[in-house]
N, C-alpha and C. Protein backbone atom coordinates (compact mmCIF):
# COMPACT_ATOMS: atom_id res chain seq x y z
N MET A 1 -150.79 -30.66 135.24
CA MET A 1 -151.84 -29.77 134.79
C MET A 1 -151.29 -28.36 134.76
N THR A 2 -151.71 -27.56 133.79
CA THR A 2 -151.21 -26.21 133.63
C THR A 2 -151.99 -25.28 134.53
N ASP A 3 -151.30 -24.36 135.16
CA ASP A 3 -151.91 -23.39 136.06
C ASP A 3 -152.62 -22.34 135.20
N PRO A 4 -153.97 -22.19 135.34
CA PRO A 4 -154.70 -21.23 134.52
C PRO A 4 -154.26 -19.80 134.75
N LEU A 5 -153.75 -19.47 135.93
CA LEU A 5 -153.30 -18.10 136.18
C LEU A 5 -152.06 -17.77 135.37
N LYS A 6 -151.18 -18.74 135.25
CA LYS A 6 -149.96 -18.52 134.48
C LYS A 6 -150.27 -18.37 133.00
N MET A 7 -151.24 -19.08 132.50
CA MET A 7 -151.58 -19.00 131.09
C MET A 7 -152.14 -17.64 130.73
N SER A 8 -152.87 -17.02 131.63
CA SER A 8 -153.47 -15.74 131.32
C SER A 8 -152.50 -14.58 131.52
N ASP A 9 -151.37 -14.81 132.16
CA ASP A 9 -150.38 -13.76 132.42
C ASP A 9 -149.52 -13.57 131.17
N PRO A 10 -149.61 -12.41 130.52
CA PRO A 10 -148.83 -12.20 129.28
C PRO A 10 -147.33 -12.14 129.54
N ASN A 11 -146.90 -11.89 130.76
CA ASN A 11 -145.48 -11.82 131.07
C ASN A 11 -144.89 -13.18 131.41
N HIS A 12 -145.74 -14.17 131.54
CA HIS A 12 -145.26 -15.51 131.87
C HIS A 12 -144.66 -16.16 130.63
N ARG A 13 -143.46 -16.74 130.83
CA ARG A 13 -142.79 -17.39 129.70
C ARG A 13 -142.38 -18.78 130.13
N GLU A 14 -142.74 -19.74 129.35
CA GLU A 14 -142.28 -21.10 129.58
C GLU A 14 -140.83 -21.17 129.13
N ASP A 15 -140.07 -22.06 129.69
CA ASP A 15 -138.70 -22.27 129.20
C ASP A 15 -138.78 -22.86 127.81
N VAL A 16 -138.30 -22.10 126.86
CA VAL A 16 -138.35 -22.54 125.47
C VAL A 16 -136.95 -22.46 124.89
N ASP A 17 -136.54 -23.51 124.20
CA ASP A 17 -135.26 -23.48 123.50
C ASP A 17 -135.48 -22.83 122.15
N LEU A 18 -134.78 -21.77 121.91
CA LEU A 18 -134.89 -21.08 120.63
C LEU A 18 -133.72 -21.45 119.75
N ALA A 19 -134.00 -21.70 118.51
CA ALA A 19 -132.93 -21.95 117.55
C ALA A 19 -132.44 -20.58 117.08
N VAL A 20 -131.20 -20.33 117.30
CA VAL A 20 -130.64 -19.04 116.91
C VAL A 20 -129.85 -19.23 115.63
N LYS A 21 -130.21 -18.43 114.64
CA LYS A 21 -129.47 -18.51 113.38
C LYS A 21 -128.19 -17.72 113.53
N THR A 22 -127.09 -18.36 113.21
CA THR A 22 -125.82 -17.65 113.24
C THR A 22 -125.38 -17.42 111.80
N LYS A 23 -124.89 -16.24 111.59
CA LYS A 23 -124.40 -15.93 110.26
C LYS A 23 -123.06 -16.65 110.06
N PRO A 24 -122.92 -17.31 108.95
CA PRO A 24 -121.62 -17.95 108.71
C PRO A 24 -120.56 -16.87 108.52
N ARG A 25 -119.44 -17.05 109.16
CA ARG A 25 -118.35 -16.07 109.02
C ARG A 25 -117.63 -16.34 107.72
N THR A 26 -117.72 -15.38 106.84
CA THR A 26 -117.02 -15.54 105.58
C THR A 26 -115.60 -15.05 105.75
N GLN A 27 -114.69 -15.84 105.27
CA GLN A 27 -113.29 -15.46 105.37
C GLN A 27 -112.90 -14.67 104.14
N ARG A 28 -112.06 -13.70 104.37
CA ARG A 28 -111.55 -12.95 103.24
C ARG A 28 -110.60 -13.85 102.46
N PRO A 29 -110.62 -13.71 101.14
CA PRO A 29 -109.71 -14.54 100.36
C PRO A 29 -108.26 -14.13 100.66
N PRO A 30 -107.34 -15.07 100.54
CA PRO A 30 -105.95 -14.72 100.81
C PRO A 30 -105.45 -13.70 99.79
N LEU A 31 -104.54 -12.87 100.22
CA LEU A 31 -103.98 -11.85 99.34
C LEU A 31 -102.59 -12.28 98.89
N TYR A 32 -102.20 -11.75 97.75
CA TYR A 32 -100.91 -12.10 97.15
C TYR A 32 -100.12 -10.84 96.82
N LYS A 33 -98.83 -10.89 97.15
CA LYS A 33 -97.93 -9.79 96.84
C LYS A 33 -97.41 -10.00 95.42
N VAL A 34 -97.41 -8.95 94.64
CA VAL A 34 -96.79 -8.98 93.32
C VAL A 34 -95.40 -8.36 93.49
N LEU A 35 -94.39 -9.13 93.08
CA LEU A 35 -93.00 -8.72 93.27
C LEU A 35 -92.32 -8.48 91.93
N LEU A 36 -91.56 -7.41 91.86
CA LEU A 36 -90.76 -7.10 90.68
C LEU A 36 -89.31 -7.41 91.04
N LEU A 37 -88.62 -8.13 90.15
CA LEU A 37 -87.26 -8.57 90.41
C LEU A 37 -86.26 -7.77 89.57
N ASN A 38 -85.13 -7.50 90.15
CA ASN A 38 -84.09 -6.75 89.46
C ASN A 38 -83.33 -7.64 88.48
N ASP A 39 -82.87 -7.03 87.41
CA ASP A 39 -81.94 -7.69 86.49
C ASP A 39 -80.97 -6.61 86.00
N ASP A 40 -79.93 -7.02 85.33
CA ASP A 40 -78.90 -6.06 84.90
C ASP A 40 -79.14 -5.51 83.51
N PHE A 41 -80.26 -5.83 82.89
CA PHE A 41 -80.47 -5.46 81.49
C PHE A 41 -81.68 -4.58 81.22
N THR A 42 -82.74 -4.73 81.99
CA THR A 42 -83.96 -3.95 81.75
C THR A 42 -83.71 -2.49 82.13
N PRO A 43 -83.97 -1.55 81.20
CA PRO A 43 -83.76 -0.13 81.50
C PRO A 43 -84.68 0.35 82.64
N MET A 44 -84.14 1.21 83.48
CA MET A 44 -84.91 1.74 84.60
C MET A 44 -86.17 2.47 84.12
N GLU A 45 -86.05 3.16 83.01
CA GLU A 45 -87.19 3.90 82.47
C GLU A 45 -88.33 2.96 82.07
N PHE A 46 -88.00 1.78 81.57
CA PHE A 46 -89.03 0.80 81.23
C PHE A 46 -89.75 0.32 82.48
N VAL A 47 -89.01 0.08 83.55
CA VAL A 47 -89.62 -0.35 84.82
C VAL A 47 -90.57 0.73 85.33
N VAL A 48 -90.16 1.98 85.24
CA VAL A 48 -91.03 3.09 85.65
C VAL A 48 -92.30 3.09 84.80
N HIS A 49 -92.14 2.89 83.50
CA HIS A 49 -93.29 2.85 82.59
C HIS A 49 -94.26 1.73 82.98
N VAL A 50 -93.73 0.54 83.29
CA VAL A 50 -94.56 -0.60 83.69
C VAL A 50 -95.35 -0.26 84.96
N LEU A 51 -94.67 0.32 85.93
CA LEU A 51 -95.32 0.65 87.20
C LEU A 51 -96.41 1.71 87.02
N GLU A 52 -96.15 2.68 86.18
CA GLU A 52 -97.17 3.71 85.92
C GLU A 52 -98.36 3.11 85.17
N ARG A 53 -98.07 2.34 84.15
CA ARG A 53 -99.13 1.84 83.27
C ARG A 53 -99.94 0.70 83.89
N LEU A 54 -99.27 -0.28 84.48
CA LEU A 54 -99.98 -1.47 84.95
C LEU A 54 -100.39 -1.40 86.41
N PHE A 55 -99.74 -0.53 87.19
CA PHE A 55 -100.07 -0.46 88.61
C PHE A 55 -100.59 0.92 89.02
N SER A 56 -100.86 1.76 88.03
CA SER A 56 -101.46 3.09 88.24
C SER A 56 -100.71 3.93 89.27
N MET A 57 -99.39 3.85 89.24
CA MET A 57 -98.58 4.66 90.15
C MET A 57 -98.28 6.01 89.53
N THR A 58 -98.07 6.98 90.39
CA THR A 58 -97.59 8.27 89.91
C THR A 58 -96.13 8.10 89.49
N ARG A 59 -95.61 9.05 88.77
CA ARG A 59 -94.20 8.97 88.35
C ARG A 59 -93.29 8.88 89.58
N ALA A 60 -93.56 9.68 90.60
CA ALA A 60 -92.73 9.68 91.81
C ALA A 60 -92.78 8.31 92.51
N GLN A 61 -93.98 7.72 92.62
CA GLN A 61 -94.11 6.40 93.24
C GLN A 61 -93.35 5.35 92.43
N ALA A 62 -93.51 5.42 91.11
CA ALA A 62 -92.87 4.45 90.22
C ALA A 62 -91.35 4.54 90.32
N ILE A 63 -90.82 5.74 90.38
CA ILE A 63 -89.37 5.91 90.50
C ILE A 63 -88.88 5.36 91.83
N GLU A 64 -89.62 5.62 92.89
CA GLU A 64 -89.24 5.12 94.22
C GLU A 64 -89.21 3.59 94.24
N ILE A 65 -90.22 2.95 93.69
CA ILE A 65 -90.27 1.48 93.65
C ILE A 65 -89.16 0.94 92.75
N MET A 66 -88.97 1.57 91.59
CA MET A 66 -87.91 1.13 90.68
C MET A 66 -86.55 1.17 91.37
N LEU A 67 -86.29 2.23 92.14
CA LEU A 67 -85.01 2.34 92.85
C LEU A 67 -84.89 1.28 93.94
N THR A 68 -85.99 0.94 94.58
CA THR A 68 -85.98 -0.14 95.57
C THR A 68 -85.63 -1.47 94.90
N VAL A 69 -86.23 -1.73 93.76
CA VAL A 69 -85.92 -2.95 93.00
C VAL A 69 -84.44 -2.95 92.63
N HIS A 70 -83.94 -1.82 92.16
CA HIS A 70 -82.55 -1.71 91.73
C HIS A 70 -81.58 -1.94 92.89
N ARG A 71 -81.88 -1.36 94.04
CA ARG A 71 -80.97 -1.43 95.20
C ARG A 71 -81.08 -2.74 95.98
N LYS A 72 -82.31 -3.22 96.16
CA LYS A 72 -82.53 -4.39 97.01
C LYS A 72 -82.73 -5.69 96.23
N GLY A 73 -82.93 -5.57 94.92
CA GLY A 73 -83.11 -6.76 94.10
C GLY A 73 -84.56 -7.19 93.92
N VAL A 74 -85.44 -6.67 94.75
CA VAL A 74 -86.86 -7.03 94.67
C VAL A 74 -87.68 -5.98 95.41
N ALA A 75 -88.92 -5.81 94.98
CA ALA A 75 -89.84 -4.90 95.68
C ALA A 75 -91.27 -5.36 95.46
N VAL A 76 -92.09 -5.16 96.46
CA VAL A 76 -93.53 -5.42 96.34
C VAL A 76 -94.14 -4.24 95.60
N VAL A 77 -94.86 -4.54 94.52
CA VAL A 77 -95.48 -3.47 93.75
C VAL A 77 -96.99 -3.40 93.95
N GLY A 78 -97.54 -4.36 94.69
CA GLY A 78 -98.96 -4.33 95.00
C GLY A 78 -99.38 -5.61 95.70
N VAL A 79 -100.53 -5.55 96.34
CA VAL A 79 -101.12 -6.70 97.02
C VAL A 79 -102.55 -6.84 96.51
N PHE A 80 -102.86 -8.04 96.01
CA PHE A 80 -104.14 -8.24 95.34
C PHE A 80 -104.71 -9.62 95.66
N SER A 81 -105.95 -9.84 95.23
CA SER A 81 -106.53 -11.18 95.28
C SER A 81 -105.74 -12.06 94.31
N HIS A 82 -105.90 -13.36 94.42
CA HIS A 82 -105.13 -14.29 93.58
C HIS A 82 -105.30 -14.00 92.09
N GLU A 83 -106.52 -13.84 91.66
CA GLU A 83 -106.80 -13.65 90.24
C GLU A 83 -106.19 -12.36 89.71
N ILE A 84 -106.31 -11.30 90.48
CA ILE A 84 -105.76 -10.02 90.03
C ILE A 84 -104.24 -10.06 90.03
N ALA A 85 -103.65 -10.66 91.06
CA ALA A 85 -102.19 -10.77 91.12
C ALA A 85 -101.68 -11.58 89.93
N GLU A 86 -102.35 -12.67 89.62
CA GLU A 86 -101.97 -13.50 88.47
C GLU A 86 -102.03 -12.70 87.17
N THR A 87 -103.08 -11.92 87.03
CA THR A 87 -103.24 -11.10 85.83
C THR A 87 -102.14 -10.05 85.74
N LYS A 88 -101.83 -9.39 86.86
CA LYS A 88 -100.78 -8.37 86.86
C LYS A 88 -99.43 -8.97 86.47
N VAL A 89 -99.10 -10.13 87.03
CA VAL A 89 -97.84 -10.80 86.70
C VAL A 89 -97.79 -11.10 85.20
N ALA A 90 -98.87 -11.64 84.67
CA ALA A 90 -98.93 -11.98 83.24
C ALA A 90 -98.78 -10.72 82.38
N GLN A 91 -99.41 -9.62 82.79
CA GLN A 91 -99.31 -8.37 82.02
C GLN A 91 -97.88 -7.84 82.01
N VAL A 92 -97.23 -7.86 83.16
CA VAL A 92 -95.84 -7.39 83.24
C VAL A 92 -94.96 -8.25 82.34
N MET A 93 -95.10 -9.56 82.46
CA MET A 93 -94.26 -10.48 81.69
C MET A 93 -94.49 -10.32 80.18
N GLU A 94 -95.73 -10.13 79.79
CA GLU A 94 -96.06 -9.96 78.38
C GLU A 94 -95.49 -8.64 77.83
N LEU A 95 -95.65 -7.58 78.59
CA LEU A 95 -95.12 -6.27 78.15
C LEU A 95 -93.59 -6.33 78.04
N ALA A 96 -92.95 -6.94 79.02
CA ALA A 96 -91.49 -7.08 78.98
C ALA A 96 -91.05 -7.93 77.80
N ARG A 97 -91.76 -9.02 77.56
CA ARG A 97 -91.41 -9.90 76.43
C ARG A 97 -91.53 -9.17 75.10
N ARG A 98 -92.62 -8.40 74.95
CA ARG A 98 -92.83 -7.66 73.69
C ARG A 98 -91.74 -6.63 73.46
N GLN A 99 -91.22 -6.06 74.54
CA GLN A 99 -90.16 -5.06 74.42
C GLN A 99 -88.76 -5.69 74.49
N GLN A 100 -88.73 -7.02 74.56
CA GLN A 100 -87.50 -7.81 74.60
C GLN A 100 -86.62 -7.45 75.81
N HIS A 101 -87.29 -7.31 76.96
CA HIS A 101 -86.58 -7.08 78.22
C HIS A 101 -86.74 -8.32 79.10
N PRO A 102 -85.71 -8.66 79.87
CA PRO A 102 -85.80 -9.85 80.72
C PRO A 102 -86.46 -9.61 82.08
N LEU A 103 -87.18 -8.51 82.23
CA LEU A 103 -87.82 -8.18 83.50
C LEU A 103 -88.67 -9.35 83.99
N GLN A 104 -88.53 -9.67 85.28
CA GLN A 104 -89.28 -10.76 85.88
C GLN A 104 -90.22 -10.23 86.96
N CYS A 105 -91.37 -10.86 87.04
CA CYS A 105 -92.39 -10.49 88.00
C CYS A 105 -92.98 -11.79 88.55
N THR A 106 -93.15 -11.85 89.86
CA THR A 106 -93.72 -13.04 90.48
C THR A 106 -94.77 -12.63 91.51
N MET A 107 -95.39 -13.64 92.10
CA MET A 107 -96.35 -13.38 93.15
C MET A 107 -96.15 -14.40 94.26
N GLU A 108 -96.45 -13.99 95.48
CA GLU A 108 -96.39 -14.92 96.61
C GLU A 108 -97.48 -14.57 97.60
N LYS A 109 -97.94 -15.58 98.31
CA LYS A 109 -99.00 -15.38 99.29
C LYS A 109 -98.51 -14.47 100.40
N GLU A 110 -99.37 -13.56 100.81
CA GLU A 110 -98.99 -12.60 101.85
C GLU A 110 -98.99 -13.27 103.21
């Protein structure tokens, strides 16, 4: 039987299991590095042009990255979602192909 005094007490709480809604943790999509590869034929000025035009770099940034590609053979030119990285690689390859340069661009998971 329920105690009538407890029922009238507004501070009295029965043990109640509450269902707590938890927010699902959304994971960030994986990021991909876009890499520019060195070759012995593509003019340095063209690489600078690609970096300025397709990656919105300043001239100074583009020259610095181009020199890294030249000296080390490869450089990361940006980190993007999969779709954007894929698009950037395709844009670089298409621009190089149209200008008849063998410039190569790839992407890899970060």
